[in-house]
Amino acid sequence: MIKVDCDYNIKEDIGFILETEKINSIELSERTKVSRTTLDAIEKKGKARDDVYEKFYSYAYGNKYRINSVKEELIKEKYRDVLFHGSKDGLSEVTITGSRDNCDFGKGFYLGETYNQALSFVCEKEKSSVYSFKYSLSDLKIKRFECNLEWMIAICYYRGTLREYASNQMVSKIVAEIEAADVIIAPIADNKMFYVMAQFTDGEINADVALHSLSASKLGLQFIFKTDKALQNLVPIEKYYLSNPEREDCRKLLNERSYEIDTKLKLAKREFKIGLYIEEILK
């Protein structure tokens, strides 16, 4: 377990807007509808109420300041090895048992390579936020996956759609390698992608159709820290506020991406009619 005590850096972000816009606190108060008294209190304490966070960050985002995305670039330049985690309700600590049993690779702490990856998994939740972490893979046992059959079988196993093949030699080998690892590095699979995988495990499409459809995802890699030893290689950096306008833009992009996956699935069914089905691969 590791403690997470970082918070929104609203004091610094207000200072950035004041300097960039070349305005004073009176003008910022008028533009954001946040009282000067509240702005003064933030200057002293560095914290605010939820409604104040929303007013300020919505104003910044609405005026084309992509503070969170730019911070991603800056901290990667500073620390190089940085990962992001989207939390629906906030984090006070991180444990390897905090995730659901039916996540892509079982229990563990899941992180993504980019801020937008993390945002995409929590943008539907009103009080969600994103966290950044420095990380190291030194002295850890790593299992890496590509976007291939092995990766798809692993996810389907942990998400519970391969129960009848649980004792299969190929499946058992993949699961054993995962359970022996400290960290898993693999392509991200969201629920839309798992919909395609489920069609494969149900025998509706062959492996080639599934994998060519999933290659449209472009979500990047996820890092799953599965052991306490691995967690000790994570250091929290910052917590990022997700304003309503930013979350809404993210939802629109996800809808567009789902159309792309649907289209590629339909085209792949036409192009790859001959291929191996689940019962032929795991017979």
C-alpha atoms as a PDB file:
ATOM      1  CA  MET A   1       0.000   0.000   0.000  1.00  0.00           C
ATOM      2  CA  ILE A   2       1.121   3.583  -0.674  1.00  0.00           C
ATOM      3  CA  LYS A   3      -0.407   6.827   0.554  1.00  0.00           C
ATOM      4  CA  VAL A   4      -1.720   9.422  -1.924  1.00  0.00           C
ATOM      5  CA  ASP A   5      -1.730  12.894  -0.399  1.00  0.00           C
ATOM      6  CA  CYS A   6      -1.452  15.116  -3.482  1.00  0.00           C
ATOM      7  CA  ASP A   7      -4.257  17.557  -4.316  1.00  0.00           C
ATOM      8  CA  TYR A   8      -5.401  20.040  -6.965  1.00  0.00           C
ATOM      9  CA  ASN A   9      -2.820  22.795  -7.486  1.00  0.00           C
ATOM     10  CA  ILE A  10      -5.467  25.488  -7.839  1.00  0.00           C
ATOM     11  CA  LYS A  11      -3.307  28.189  -6.243  1.00  0.00           C
ATOM     12  CA  GLU A  12      -0.602  27.735  -8.895  1.00  0.00           C
ATOM     13  CA  ASP A  13      -3.187  27.413 -11.671  1.00  0.00           C
ATOM     14  CA  ILE A  14      -4.855  30.685 -10.649  1.00  0.00           C
ATOM     15  CA  GLY A  15      -1.446  32.355 -10.685  1.00  0.00           C
ATOM     16  CA  PHE A  16      -0.856  31.010 -14.192  1.00  0.00           C
ATOM     17  CA  ILE A  17      -4.158  32.454 -15.471  1.00  0.00           C
ATOM     18  CA  LEU A  18      -3.549  35.833 -13.805  1.00  0.00           C
ATOM     19  CA  GLU A  19      -0.099  36.083 -15.374  1.00  0.00           C
ATOM     20  CA  THR A  20      -1.090  34.788 -18.802  1.00  0.00           C
ATOM     21  CA  GLU A  21      -4.252  36.865 -19.103  1.00  0.00           C
ATOM     22  CA  LYS A  22      -2.487  39.895 -17.592  1.00  0.00           C
ATOM     23  CA  ILE A  23      -5.389  40.521 -15.236  1.00  0.00           C
ATOM     24  CA  ASN A  24      -5.769  41.056 -11.486  1.00  0.00           C
ATOM     25  CA  SER A  25      -7.864  39.152  -8.960  1.00  0.00           C
ATOM     26  CA  ILE A  26     -10.756  41.595  -9.328  1.00  0.00           C
ATOM     27  CA  GLU A  27     -11.053  40.857 -13.039  1.00  0.00           C
ATOM     28  CA  LEU A  28     -10.635  37.116 -12.461  1.00  0.00           C
ATOM     29  CA  SER A  29     -13.425  37.233  -9.873  1.00  0.00           C
ATOM     30  CA  GLU A  30     -15.739  38.897 -12.393  1.00  0.00           C
ATOM     31  CA  ARG A  31     -14.908  36.384 -15.124  1.00  0.00           C
ATOM     32  CA  THR A  32     -15.139  33.220 -13.018  1.00  0.00           C
ATOM     33  CA  LYS A  33     -17.955  34.333 -10.668  1.00  0.00           C
ATOM     34  CA  VAL A  34     -15.709  33.389  -7.742  1.00  0.00           C
ATOM     35  CA  SER A  35     -15.666  36.050  -5.031  1.00  0.00           C
ATOM     36  CA  ARG A  36     -12.474  37.952  -4.231  1.00  0.00           C
ATOM     37  CA  THR A  37     -12.753  36.740  -0.645  1.00  0.00           C
ATOM     38  CA  THR A  38     -12.659  33.152  -1.879  1.00  0.00           C
ATOM     39  CA  LEU A  39      -9.730  33.869  -4.208  1.00  0.00           C
ATOM     40  CA  ASP A  40      -7.823  35.425  -1.299  1.00  0.00           C
ATOM     41  CA  ALA A  41      -8.555  32.355   0.841  1.00  0.00           C
ATOM     42  CA  ILE A  42      -7.213  30.077  -1.905  1.00  0.00           C
ATOM     43  CA  GLU A  43      -4.044  32.182  -1.998  1.00  0.00           C
ATOM     44  CA  LYS A  44      -3.550  31.491   1.713  1.00  0.00           C
ATOM     45  CA  LYS A  45      -4.759  27.889   2.027  1.00  0.00           C
ATOM     46  CA  GLY A  46      -4.328  26.463  -1.485  1.00  0.00           C
ATOM     47  CA  LYS A  47      -7.720  24.729  -1.366  1.00  0.00           C
ATOM     48  CA  ALA A  48     -11.317  25.481  -2.350  1.00  0.00           C
ATOM     49  CA  ARG A  49     -14.877  24.149  -2.329  1.00  0.00           C
ATOM     50  CA  ASP A  50     -16.035  21.846  -5.130  1.00  0.00           C
ATOM     51  CA  ASP A  51     -18.173  24.553  -6.734  1.00  0.00           C
ATOM     52  CA  VAL A  52     -15.201  26.926  -6.811  1.00  0.00           C
ATOM     53  CA  TYR A  53     -12.997  24.326  -8.511  1.00  0.00           C
ATOM     54  CA  GLU A  54     -15.697  23.871 -11.121  1.00  0.00           C
ATOM     55  CA  LYS A  55     -16.121  27.598 -11.783  1.00  0.00           C
ATOM     56  CA  PHE A  56     -12.410  28.259 -12.134  1.00  0.00           C
ATOM     57  CA  TYR A  57     -11.427  25.216 -14.211  1.00  0.00           C
ATOM     58  CA  SER A  58     -14.509  25.527 -16.439  1.00  0.00           C
ATOM     59  CA  TYR A  59     -13.524  29.135 -17.111  1.00  0.00           C
ATOM     60  CA  ALA A  60      -9.946  28.117 -17.936  1.00  0.00           C
ATOM     61  CA  TYR A  61     -11.017  25.242 -20.199  1.00  0.00           C
ATOM     62  CA  GLY A  62     -13.661  27.380 -21.912  1.00  0.00           C
ATOM     63  CA  ASN A  63     -10.955  29.909 -22.745  1.00  0.00           C
ATOM     64  CA  LYS A  64      -8.797  27.268 -24.460  1.00  0.00           C
ATOM     65  CA  TYR A  65      -6.382  26.717 -21.591  1.00  0.00           C
ATOM     66  CA  ARG A  66      -5.686  22.984 -21.607  1.00  0.00           C
ATOM     67  CA  ILE A  67      -3.937  23.118 -18.247  1.00  0.00           C
ATOM     68  CA  ASN A  68      -4.066  19.408 -17.496  1.00  0.00           C
ATOM     69  CA  SER A  69      -2.809  18.275 -20.902  1.00  0.00           C
ATOM     70  CA  VAL A  70       0.051  20.774 -20.872  1.00  0.00           C
ATOM     71  CA  LYS A  71       1.021  19.724 -17.358  1.00  0.00           C
ATOM     72  CA  GLU A  72       1.346  16.190 -18.717  1.00  0.00           C
ATOM     73  CA  GLU A  73       3.976  17.372 -21.196  1.00  0.00           C
ATOM     74  CA  LEU A  74       5.853  19.322 -18.539  1.00  0.00           C
ATOM     75  CA  ILE A  75       6.021  16.573 -15.924  1.00  0.00           C
ATOM     76  CA  LYS A  76       7.145  14.063 -18.567  1.00  0.00           C
ATOM     77  CA  GLU A  77       9.949  16.450 -19.486  1.00  0.00           C
ATOM     78  CA  LYS A  78      10.814  16.767 -15.787  1.00  0.00           C
ATOM     79  CA  TYR A  79      10.456  13.150 -14.619  1.00  0.00           C
ATOM     80  CA  ARG A  80      10.349  11.217 -17.946  1.00  0.00           C
ATOM     81  CA  ASP A  81       8.739   8.074 -16.498  1.00  0.00           C
ATOM     82  CA  VAL A  82       5.175   9.147 -15.648  1.00  0.00           C
ATOM     83  CA  LEU A  83       1.858   7.287 -15.625  1.00  0.00           C
ATOM     84  CA  PHE A  84      -1.749   8.390 -15.041  1.00  0.00           C
ATOM     85  CA  HIS A  85      -4.692   6.918 -13.148  1.00  0.00           C
ATOM     86  CA  GLY A  86      -8.336   7.963 -13.411  1.00  0.00           C
ATOM     87  CA  SER A  87     -10.301   7.723 -10.154  1.00  0.00           C
ATOM     88  CA  LYS A  88     -14.083   7.951  -9.919  1.00  0.00           C
ATOM     89  CA  ASP A  89     -14.143   8.996  -6.266  1.00  0.00           C
ATOM     90  CA  GLY A  90     -10.619  10.142  -5.406  1.00  0.00           C
ATOM     91  CA  LEU A  91      -7.620   8.378  -3.876  1.00  0.00           C
ATOM     92  CA  SER A  92      -6.205   8.478  -0.363  1.00  0.00           C
ATOM     93  CA  GLU A  93      -4.178   5.299  -0.754  1.00  0.00           C
ATOM     94  CA  VAL A  94      -3.331   2.702  -3.392  1.00  0.00           C
ATOM     95  CA  THR A  95      -3.464  -1.059  -2.872  1.00  0.00           C
ATOM     96  CA  ILE A  96      -3.138  -4.020  -5.224  1.00  0.00           C
ATOM     97  CA  THR A  97      -6.563  -5.277  -4.106  1.00  0.00           C
ATOM     98  CA  GLY A  98      -8.451  -2.071  -4.868  1.00  0.00           C
ATOM     99  CA  SER A  99      -9.584  -3.001  -8.393  1.00  0.00           C
ATOM    100  CA  ARG A 100     -12.498  -5.200  -9.432  1.00  0.00           C
ATOM    101  CA  ASP A 101     -11.916  -8.947  -9.877  1.00  0.00           C
ATOM    102  CA  ASN A 102     -13.018  -8.785 -13.520  1.00  0.00           C
ATOM    103  CA  CYS A 103     -10.543  -6.162 -14.709  1.00  0.00           C
ATOM    104  CA  ASP A 104      -8.372  -6.954 -17.750  1.00  0.00           C
ATOM    105  CA  PHE A 105      -5.638  -8.731 -15.786  1.00  0.00           C
ATOM    106  CA  GLY A 106      -7.247  -9.314 -12.413  1.00  0.00           C
ATOM    107  CA  LYS A 107      -6.351  -7.500  -9.205  1.00  0.00           C
ATOM    108  CA  GLY A 108      -3.834  -4.677  -9.340  1.00  0.00           C
ATOM    109  CA  PHE A 109      -3.426  -0.918  -9.684  1.00  0.00           C
ATOM    110  CA  TYR A 110      -4.132   0.172 -13.271  1.00  0.00           C
ATOM    111  CA  LEU A 111      -2.442   3.156 -14.924  1.00  0.00           C
ATOM    112  CA  GLY A 112      -2.130   4.492 -18.460  1.00  0.00           C
ATOM    113  CA  GLU A 113       0.611   6.212 -20.445  1.00  0.00           C
ATOM    114  CA  THR A 114      -1.260   9.475 -20.964  1.00  0.00           C
ATOM    115  CA  TYR A 115      -3.561  11.900 -19.205  1.00  0.00           C
ATOM    116  CA  ASN A 116      -6.252  11.451 -21.867  1.00  0.00           C
ATOM    117  CA  GLN A 117      -6.219   7.678 -21.414  1.00  0.00           C
ATOM    118  CA  ALA A 118      -6.967   8.080 -17.712  1.00  0.00           C
ATOM    119  CA  LEU A 119      -9.589  10.748 -18.389  1.00  0.00           C
ATOM    120  CA  SER A 120     -11.427   8.511 -20.870  1.00  0.00           C
ATOM    121  CA  PHE A 121     -12.135   5.888 -18.187  1.00  0.00           C
ATOM    122  CA  VAL A 122     -13.702   8.294 -15.677  1.00  0.00           C
ATOM    123  CA  CYS A 123     -15.208  11.134 -17.735  1.00  0.00           C
ATOM    124  CA  GLU A 124     -18.757   9.839 -17.135  1.00  0.00           C
ATOM    125  CA  LYS A 125     -18.406  10.261 -13.364  1.00  0.00           C
ATOM    126  CA  GLU A 126     -19.180  13.747 -12.019  1.00  0.00           C
ATOM    127  CA  LYS A 127     -16.639  13.843  -9.174  1.00  0.00           C
ATOM    128  CA  SER A 128     -13.868  11.943 -10.921  1.00  0.00           C
ATOM    129  CA  SER A 129     -10.266  13.106 -11.129  1.00  0.00           C
ATOM    130  CA  VAL A 130      -6.939  12.057 -12.632  1.00  0.00           C
ATOM    131  CA  TYR A 131      -3.639  11.472 -10.810  1.00  0.00           C
ATOM    132  CA  SER A 132      -0.080  11.385 -12.088  1.00  0.00           C
ATOM    133  CA  PHE A 133       2.658   9.113 -10.707  1.00  0.00           C
ATOM    134  CA  LYS A 134       6.386   8.796 -11.185  1.00  0.00           C
ATOM    135  CA  TYR A 135       7.364   5.165 -11.687  1.00  0.00           C
ATOM    136  CA  SER A 136      10.290   2.805 -12.042  1.00  0.00           C
ATOM    137  CA  LEU A 137      10.420  -0.761 -13.330  1.00  0.00           C
ATOM    138  CA  SER A 138      13.771  -1.522 -11.727  1.00  0.00           C
ATOM    139  CA  ASP A 139      14.082  -4.996 -10.180  1.00  0.00           C
ATOM    140  CA  LEU A 140      10.521  -5.918 -11.183  1.00  0.00           C
ATOM    141  CA  LYS A 141       9.342  -8.923 -13.170  1.00  0.00           C
ATOM    142  CA  ILE A 142       7.512  -7.646 -16.266  1.00  0.00           C
ATOM    143  CA  LYS A 143       5.049  -9.437 -18.539  1.00  0.00           C
ATOM    144  CA  ARG A 144       4.441  -7.601 -21.821  1.00  0.00           C
ATOM    145  CA  PHE A 145       1.614  -8.135 -24.301  1.00  0.00           C
ATOM    146  CA  GLU A 146       1.104  -6.963 -27.864  1.00  0.00           C
ATOM    147  CA  CYS A 147      -2.289  -6.599 -29.569  1.00  0.00           C
ATOM    148  CA  ASN A 148      -2.408 -10.301 -30.395  1.00  0.00           C
ATOM    149  CA  LEU A 149      -4.196 -13.545 -29.607  1.00  0.00           C
ATOM    150  CA  GLU A 150      -2.367 -14.069 -26.291  1.00  0.00           C
ATOM    151  CA  TRP A 151      -3.461 -10.600 -25.106  1.00  0.00           C
ATOM    152  CA  MET A 152      -7.069 -11.186 -26.141  1.00  0.00           C
ATOM    153  CA  ILE A 153      -7.242 -14.588 -24.421  1.00  0.00           C
ATOM    154  CA  ALA A 154      -5.795 -13.129 -21.210  1.00  0.00           C
ATOM    155  CA  ILE A 155      -8.391 -10.361 -21.039  1.00  0.00           C
ATOM    156  CA  CYS A 156     -11.273 -12.691 -21.878  1.00  0.00           C
ATOM    157  CA  TYR A 157     -10.109 -15.075 -19.134  1.00  0.00           C
ATOM    158  CA  TYR A 158      -9.984 -12.402 -16.430  1.00  0.00           C
ATOM    159  CA  ARG A 159     -13.223 -10.833 -17.589  1.00  0.00           C
ATOM    160  CA  GLY A 160     -14.932 -14.208 -17.211  1.00  0.00           C
ATOM    161  CA  THR A 161     -15.836 -15.274 -20.750  1.00  0.00           C
ATOM    162  CA  LEU A 162     -13.425 -18.236 -21.029  1.00  0.00           C
ATOM    163  CA  ARG A 163     -14.625 -20.331 -18.099  1.00  0.00           C
ATOM    164  CA  GLU A 164     -15.102 -23.475 -20.189  1.00  0.00           C
ATOM    165  CA  TYR A 165     -11.487 -23.191 -21.391  1.00  0.00           C
ATOM    166  CA  ALA A 166      -9.948 -22.365 -17.984  1.00  0.00           C
ATOM    167  CA  SER A 167      -8.010 -25.655 -17.863  1.00  0.00           C
ATOM    168  CA  ASN A 168      -6.720 -25.358 -21.435  1.00  0.00           C
ATOM    169  CA  GLN A 169      -2.922 -25.577 -21.615  1.00  0.00           C
ATOM    170  CA  MET A 170      -2.519 -22.333 -23.558  1.00  0.00           C
ATOM    171  CA  VAL A 171      -4.821 -20.415 -21.216  1.00  0.00           C
ATOM    172  CA  SER A 172      -3.158 -21.857 -18.104  1.00  0.00           C
ATOM    173  CA  LYS A 173       0.296 -20.855 -19.355  1.00  0.00           C
ATOM    174  CA  ILE A 174      -0.779 -17.267 -20.024  1.00  0.00           C
ATOM    175  CA  VAL A 175      -2.468 -16.948 -16.621  1.00  0.00           C
ATOM    176  CA  ALA A 176       0.558 -18.411 -14.816  1.00  0.00           C
ATOM    177  CA  GLU A 177       2.861 -15.840 -16.449  1.00  0.00           C
ATOM    178  CA  ILE A 178       0.539 -13.015 -15.439  1.00  0.00           C
ATOM    179  CA  GLU A 179       0.244 -14.164 -11.848  1.00  0.00           C
ATOM    180  CA  ALA A 180       4.045 -14.482 -11.568  1.00  0.00           C
ATOM    181  CA  ALA A 181       4.655 -10.901 -12.754  1.00  0.00           C
ATOM    182  CA  ASP A 182       5.030  -7.721 -10.690  1.00  0.00           C
ATOM    183  CA  VAL A 183       3.860  -5.512 -13.566  1.00  0.00           C
ATOM    184  CA  ILE A 184       1.827  -6.183 -16.706  1.00  0.00           C
ATOM    185  CA  ILE A 185       2.305  -3.890 -19.721  1.00  0.00           C
ATOM    186  CA  ALA A 186      -0.350  -4.360 -22.391  1.00  0.00           C
ATOM    187  CA  PRO A 187      -2.634  -2.539 -24.834  1.00  0.00           C
ATOM    188  CA  ILE A 188      -5.638  -0.963 -23.124  1.00  0.00           C
ATOM    189  CA  ALA A 189      -9.006  -2.647 -23.668  1.00  0.00           C
ATOM    190  CA  ASP A 190     -12.109  -0.656 -22.770  1.00  0.00           C
ATOM    191  CA  ASN A 191     -15.696  -1.970 -22.682  1.00  0.00           C
ATOM    192  CA  LYS A 192     -16.251  -1.234 -26.372  1.00  0.00           C
ATOM    193  CA  MET A 193     -13.252  -3.355 -27.270  1.00  0.00           C
ATOM    194  CA  PHE A 194     -14.362  -6.117 -24.921  1.00  0.00           C
ATOM    195  CA  TYR A 195     -17.681  -6.219 -26.800  1.00  0.00           C
ATOM    196  CA  VAL A 196     -15.658  -7.335 -29.839  1.00  0.00           C
ATOM    197  CA  MET A 197     -13.669  -9.845 -27.773  1.00  0.00           C
ATOM    198  CA  ALA A 198     -16.883 -11.315 -26.362  1.00  0.00           C
ATOM    199  CA  GLN A 199     -18.080 -12.002 -29.902  1.00  0.00           C
ATOM    200  CA  PHE A 200     -14.873 -13.982 -30.414  1.00  0.00           C
ATOM    201  CA  THR A 201     -15.301 -16.059 -27.231  1.00  0.00           C
ATOM    202  CA  ASP A 202     -18.960 -16.659 -28.145  1.00  0.00           C
ATOM    203  CA  GLY A 203     -17.833 -18.101 -31.488  1.00  0.00           C
ATOM    204  CA  GLU A 204     -19.518 -15.376 -33.561  1.00  0.00           C
ATOM    205  CA  ILE A 205     -16.319 -14.074 -35.196  1.00  0.00           C
ATOM    206  CA  ASN A 206     -12.874 -15.562 -35.814  1.00  0.00           C
ATOM    207  CA  ALA A 207      -9.625 -14.387 -34.211  1.00  0.00           C
ATOM    208  CA  ASP A 208      -8.465 -12.442 -37.282  1.00  0.00           C
ATOM    209  CA  VAL A 209     -11.696 -10.429 -37.427  1.00  0.00           C
ATOM    210  CA  ALA A 210     -11.476  -9.658 -33.709  1.00  0.00           C
ATOM    211  CA  LEU A 211      -7.837  -8.574 -33.721  1.00  0.00           C
ATOM    212  CA  HIS A 212      -8.114  -6.444 -36.860  1.00  0.00           C
ATOM    213  CA  SER A 213     -11.170  -4.729 -35.348  1.00  0.00           C
ATOM    214  CA  LEU A 214      -9.373  -4.093 -32.052  1.00  0.00           C
ATOM    215  CA  SER A 215      -6.377  -2.520 -33.778  1.00  0.00           C
ATOM    216  CA  ALA A 216      -8.599   0.542 -34.325  1.00  0.00           C
ATOM    217  CA  SER A 217      -8.591   1.321 -30.609  1.00  0.00           C
ATOM    218  CA  LYS A 218      -5.400   3.426 -30.440  1.00  0.00           C
ATOM    219  CA  LEU A 219      -5.738   3.774 -26.683  1.00  0.00           C
ATOM    220  CA  GLY A 220      -2.092   3.041 -25.968  1.00  0.00           C
ATOM    221  CA  LEU A 221      -0.636   0.904 -23.193  1.00  0.00           C
ATOM    222  CA  GLN A 222      -1.791   0.179 -19.661  1.00  0.00           C
ATOM    223  CA  PHE A 223       0.525  -0.654 -16.770  1.00  0.00           C
ATOM    224  CA  ILE A 224      -0.868  -2.927 -14.043  1.00  0.00           C
ATOM    225  CA  PHE A 225       1.110  -2.961 -10.794  1.00  0.00           C
ATOM    226  CA  LYS A 226       0.145  -6.320  -9.305  1.00  0.00           C
ATOM    227  CA  THR A 227       2.379  -6.713  -6.243  1.00  0.00           C
ATOM    228  CA  ASP A 228       3.275  -4.688  -3.158  1.00  0.00           C
ATOM    229  CA  LYS A 229       6.859  -4.698  -4.389  1.00  0.00           C
ATOM    230  CA  ALA A 230       5.720  -2.983  -7.599  1.00  0.00           C
ATOM    231  CA  LEU A 231       3.643  -0.378  -5.736  1.00  0.00           C
ATOM    232  CA  GLN A 232       6.737   0.813  -3.889  1.00  0.00           C
ATOM    233  CA  ASN A 233       8.055   1.993  -7.278  1.00  0.00           C
ATOM    234  CA  LEU A 234       5.205   4.525  -7.616  1.00  0.00           C
ATOM    235  CA  VAL A 235       5.349   8.111  -6.311  1.00  0.00           C
ATOM    236  CA  PRO A 236       2.229  10.369  -6.537  1.00  0.00           C
ATOM    237  CA  ILE A 237       2.812  13.732  -8.253  1.00  0.00           C
ATOM    238  CA  GLU A 238      -0.430  15.686  -8.720  1.00  0.00           C
ATOM    239  CA  LYS A 239      -4.229  15.462  -8.793  1.00  0.00           C
ATOM    240  CA  TYR A 240      -6.075  17.049 -11.746  1.00  0.00           C
ATOM    241  CA  TYR A 241      -9.554  18.561 -11.632  1.00  0.00           C
ATOM    242  CA  LEU A 242     -11.910  17.493 -14.437  1.00  0.00           C
ATOM    243  CA  SER A 243     -14.321  20.283 -15.266  1.00  0.00           C
ATOM    244  CA  ASN A 244     -17.709  19.593 -16.834  1.00  0.00           C
ATOM    245  CA  PRO A 245     -16.699  21.008 -20.266  1.00  0.00           C
ATOM    246  CA  GLU A 246     -13.560  18.860 -20.368  1.00  0.00           C
ATOM    247  CA  ARG A 247     -15.433  15.694 -19.431  1.00  0.00           C
ATOM    248  CA  GLU A 248     -18.109  16.451 -22.042  1.00  0.00           C
ATOM    249  CA  ASP A 249     -15.493  16.870 -24.792  1.00  0.00           C
ATOM    250  CA  CYS A 250     -13.960  13.544 -23.778  1.00  0.00           C
ATOM    251  CA  ARG A 251     -17.341  11.792 -24.010  1.00  0.00           C
ATOM    252  CA  LYS A 252     -17.806  13.127 -27.543  1.00  0.00           C
ATOM    253  CA  LEU A 253     -14.412  11.787 -28.604  1.00  0.00           C
ATOM    254  CA  LEU A 254     -15.206   8.373 -27.132  1.00  0.00           C
ATOM    255  CA  ASN A 255     -18.458   8.241 -29.098  1.00  0.00           C
ATOM    256  CA  GLU A 256     -16.560   8.987 -32.295  1.00  0.00           C
ATOM    257  CA  ARG A 257     -14.049   6.247 -31.505  1.00  0.00           C
ATOM    258  CA  SER A 258     -16.834   3.710 -30.922  1.00  0.00           C
ATOM    259  CA  TYR A 259     -18.161   4.422 -34.431  1.00  0.00           C
ATOM    260  CA  GLU A 260     -14.666   3.742 -35.808  1.00  0.00           C
ATOM    261  CA  ILE A 261     -14.468   0.364 -34.049  1.00  0.00           C
ATOM    262  CA  ASP A 262     -17.975  -0.570 -35.263  1.00  0.00           C
ATOM    263  CA  THR A 263     -17.014   0.296 -38.840  1.00  0.00           C
ATOM    264  CA  LYS A 264     -13.752  -1.636 -38.674  1.00  0.00           C
ATOM    265  CA  LEU A 265     -15.544  -4.686 -37.248  1.00  0.00           C
ATOM    266  CA  LYS A 266     -17.974  -4.687 -40.175  1.00  0.00           C
ATOM    267  CA  LEU A 267     -15.167  -4.284 -42.710  1.00  0.00           C
ATOM    268  CA  ALA A 268     -13.032  -6.951 -41.011  1.00  0.00           C
ATOM    269  CA  LYS A 269     -15.923  -9.438 -41.207  1.00  0.00           C
ATOM    270  CA  ARG A 270     -15.941  -8.957 -44.980  1.00  0.00           C
ATOM    271  CA  GLU A 271     -12.159  -9.070 -45.388  1.00  0.00           C
ATOM    272  CA  PHE A 272     -11.209 -11.936 -43.035  1.00  0.00           C
ATOM    273  CA  LYS A 273     -13.931 -14.525 -43.586  1.00  0.00           C
ATOM    274  CA  ILE A 274     -11.453 -17.388 -43.277  1.00  0.00           C
ATOM    275  CA  GLY A 275      -9.803 -17.700 -39.872  1.00  0.00           C
ATOM    276  CA  LEU A 276      -9.657 -19.747 -36.686  1.00  0.00           C
ATOM    277  CA  TYR A 277     -12.530 -19.648 -34.186  1.00  0.00           C
ATOM    278  CA  ILE A 278     -12.239 -20.004 -30.419  1.00  0.00           C
ATOM    279  CA  GLU A 279     -13.084 -23.728 -30.326  1.00  0.00           C
ATOM    280  CA  GLU A 280     -10.413 -24.432 -32.973  1.00  0.00           C
ATOM    281  CA  ILE A 281      -7.713 -22.485 -31.130  1.00  0.00           C
ATOM    282  CA  LEU A 282      -8.441 -23.860 -27.661  1.00  0.00           C
ATOM    283  CA  LYS A 283      -9.571 -27.362 -28.645  1.00  0.00           C
END
